[in-house]
Amino acid sequence: MSFPALEKKLNSLPQAALAEIFSYIDYISYKFSDSEKRSSFESKKKGFGCLKDIPCKMSPDFDEPIEEFAEYM
């Protein structure tokens, strides 16, 4: 796929989809980063903070109450 064709498709998407694509690009960049960096990351012990270098984003309203559970609270 050429860059102009990709740009045309990206311009036709809504802003929410672009944010999701941006997050996916971060994941792909991490996945295909140099193997030395990944192997040193994988050799670390699991525990608190072990996922700090993995790109992920949480919704700003993550801690807000869910409307569907209002009757149970």
C-alpha atoms as a PDB file:
ATOM      1  CA  MET A   1       0.000   0.000   0.000  1.00  0.00           C
ATOM      2  CA  SER A   2       1.370   3.388  -0.936  1.00  0.00           C
ATOM      3  CA  PHE A   3       1.593   6.304   1.485  1.00  0.00           C
ATOM      4  CA  PRO A   4      -0.844   8.514  -0.487  1.00  0.00           C
ATOM      5  CA  ALA A   5      -3.463   5.721  -0.425  1.00  0.00           C
ATOM      6  CA  LEU A   6      -2.912   5.261   3.305  1.00  0.00           C
ATOM      7  CA  GLU A   7      -3.161   9.003   3.898  1.00  0.00           C
ATOM      8  CA  LYS A   8      -6.424   9.140   1.946  1.00  0.00           C
ATOM      9  CA  LYS A   9      -7.926   6.379   4.094  1.00  0.00           C
ATOM     10  CA  LEU A  10      -6.714   8.015   7.312  1.00  0.00           C
ATOM     11  CA  ASN A  11      -8.264  11.350   6.314  1.00  0.00           C
ATOM     12  CA  SER A  12     -11.648   9.670   5.898  1.00  0.00           C
ATOM     13  CA  LEU A  13     -11.708   8.222   9.432  1.00  0.00           C
ATOM     14  CA  PRO A  14     -13.286   9.852  12.508  1.00  0.00           C
ATOM     15  CA  GLN A  15     -11.049  11.177  15.294  1.00  0.00           C
ATOM     16  CA  ALA A  16     -11.825   8.239  17.626  1.00  0.00           C
ATOM     17  CA  ALA A  17     -10.581   5.769  15.015  1.00  0.00           C
ATOM     18  CA  LEU A  18      -7.388   7.794  14.534  1.00  0.00           C
ATOM     19  CA  ALA A  19      -6.664   7.586  18.266  1.00  0.00           C
ATOM     20  CA  GLU A  20      -7.068   3.820  18.114  1.00  0.00           C
ATOM     21  CA  ILE A  21      -4.789   3.600  15.081  1.00  0.00           C
ATOM     22  CA  PHE A  22      -2.173   5.716  16.879  1.00  0.00           C
ATOM     23  CA  SER A  23      -2.256   3.305  19.813  1.00  0.00           C
ATOM     24  CA  TYR A  24      -1.924   0.339  17.456  1.00  0.00           C
ATOM     25  CA  ILE A  25       1.078   1.953  15.750  1.00  0.00           C
ATOM     26  CA  ASP A  26       2.746   2.269  19.179  1.00  0.00           C
ATOM     27  CA  TYR A  27       2.129  -1.441  19.743  1.00  0.00           C
ATOM     28  CA  ILE A  28       3.529  -2.405  16.323  1.00  0.00           C
ATOM     29  CA  SER A  29       6.595  -0.205  16.902  1.00  0.00           C
ATOM     30  CA  TYR A  30       7.218  -1.953  20.207  1.00  0.00           C
ATOM     31  CA  LYS A  31       6.670  -5.388  18.689  1.00  0.00           C
ATOM     32  CA  PHE A  32       9.182  -4.812  15.893  1.00  0.00           C
ATOM     33  CA  SER A  33      11.738  -2.884  17.960  1.00  0.00           C
ATOM     34  CA  ASP A  34      15.251  -4.257  18.159  1.00  0.00           C
ATOM     35  CA  SER A  35      15.387  -7.726  19.685  1.00  0.00           C
ATOM     36  CA  GLU A  36      18.067  -6.737  22.221  1.00  0.00           C
ATOM     37  CA  LYS A  37      15.722  -4.328  23.933  1.00  0.00           C
ATOM     38  CA  ARG A  38      12.920  -6.897  24.012  1.00  0.00           C
ATOM     39  CA  SER A  39      15.131  -9.731  25.259  1.00  0.00           C
ATOM     40  CA  SER A  40      16.410  -7.588  28.141  1.00  0.00           C
ATOM     41  CA  PHE A  41      12.811  -6.661  28.955  1.00  0.00           C
ATOM     42  CA  GLU A  42      11.669 -10.285  28.862  1.00  0.00           C
ATOM     43  CA  SER A  43      14.488 -11.425  31.154  1.00  0.00           C
ATOM     44  CA  LYS A  44      13.388  -9.139  33.986  1.00  0.00           C
ATOM     45  CA  LYS A  45      11.526 -10.652  36.901  1.00  0.00           C
ATOM     46  CA  LYS A  46       7.794 -10.216  36.974  1.00  0.00           C
ATOM     47  CA  GLY A  47       6.388  -7.948  39.628  1.00  0.00           C
ATOM     48  CA  PHE A  48       5.318  -4.414  40.372  1.00  0.00           C
ATOM     49  CA  GLY A  49       6.088  -2.115  37.441  1.00  0.00           C
ATOM     50  CA  CYS A  50       6.982  -4.914  35.017  1.00  0.00           C
ATOM     51  CA  LEU A  51       4.718  -3.476  32.300  1.00  0.00           C
ATOM     52  CA  LYS A  52       5.873   0.144  32.530  1.00  0.00           C
ATOM     53  CA  ASP A  53       7.620   0.118  29.125  1.00  0.00           C
ATOM     54  CA  ILE A  54       4.693  -1.326  27.170  1.00  0.00           C
ATOM     55  CA  PRO A  55       2.705   1.417  25.438  1.00  0.00           C
ATOM     56  CA  CYS A  56      -0.939   1.412  26.491  1.00  0.00           C
ATOM     57  CA  LYS A  57      -3.507   4.090  27.085  1.00  0.00           C
ATOM     58  CA  MET A  58      -6.486   4.110  29.428  1.00  0.00           C
ATOM     59  CA  SER A  59      -9.636   6.085  28.954  1.00  0.00           C
ATOM     60  CA  PRO A  60      -9.740   9.326  31.003  1.00  0.00           C
ATOM     61  CA  ASP A  61     -13.048   8.198  32.548  1.00  0.00           C
ATOM     62  CA  PHE A  62     -11.715   4.752  33.564  1.00  0.00           C
ATOM     63  CA  ASP A  63     -12.443   5.307  37.278  1.00  0.00           C
ATOM     64  CA  GLU A  64     -15.894   6.814  36.735  1.00  0.00           C
ATOM     65  CA  PRO A  65     -18.901   4.763  37.868  1.00  0.00           C
ATOM     66  CA  ILE A  66     -20.626   2.695  35.168  1.00  0.00           C
ATOM     67  CA  GLU A  67     -24.229   3.715  34.558  1.00  0.00           C
ATOM     68  CA  GLU A  68     -25.420   0.114  34.179  1.00  0.00           C
ATOM     69  CA  PHE A  69     -24.328  -0.659  37.771  1.00  0.00           C
ATOM     70  CA  ALA A  70     -25.984   2.389  39.355  1.00  0.00           C
ATOM     71  CA  GLU A  71     -28.813   0.356  40.896  1.00  0.00           C
ATOM     72  CA  TYR A  72     -26.315  -1.947  42.627  1.00  0.00           C
ATOM     73  CA  MET A  73     -24.287   0.844  44.230  1.00  0.00           C
END
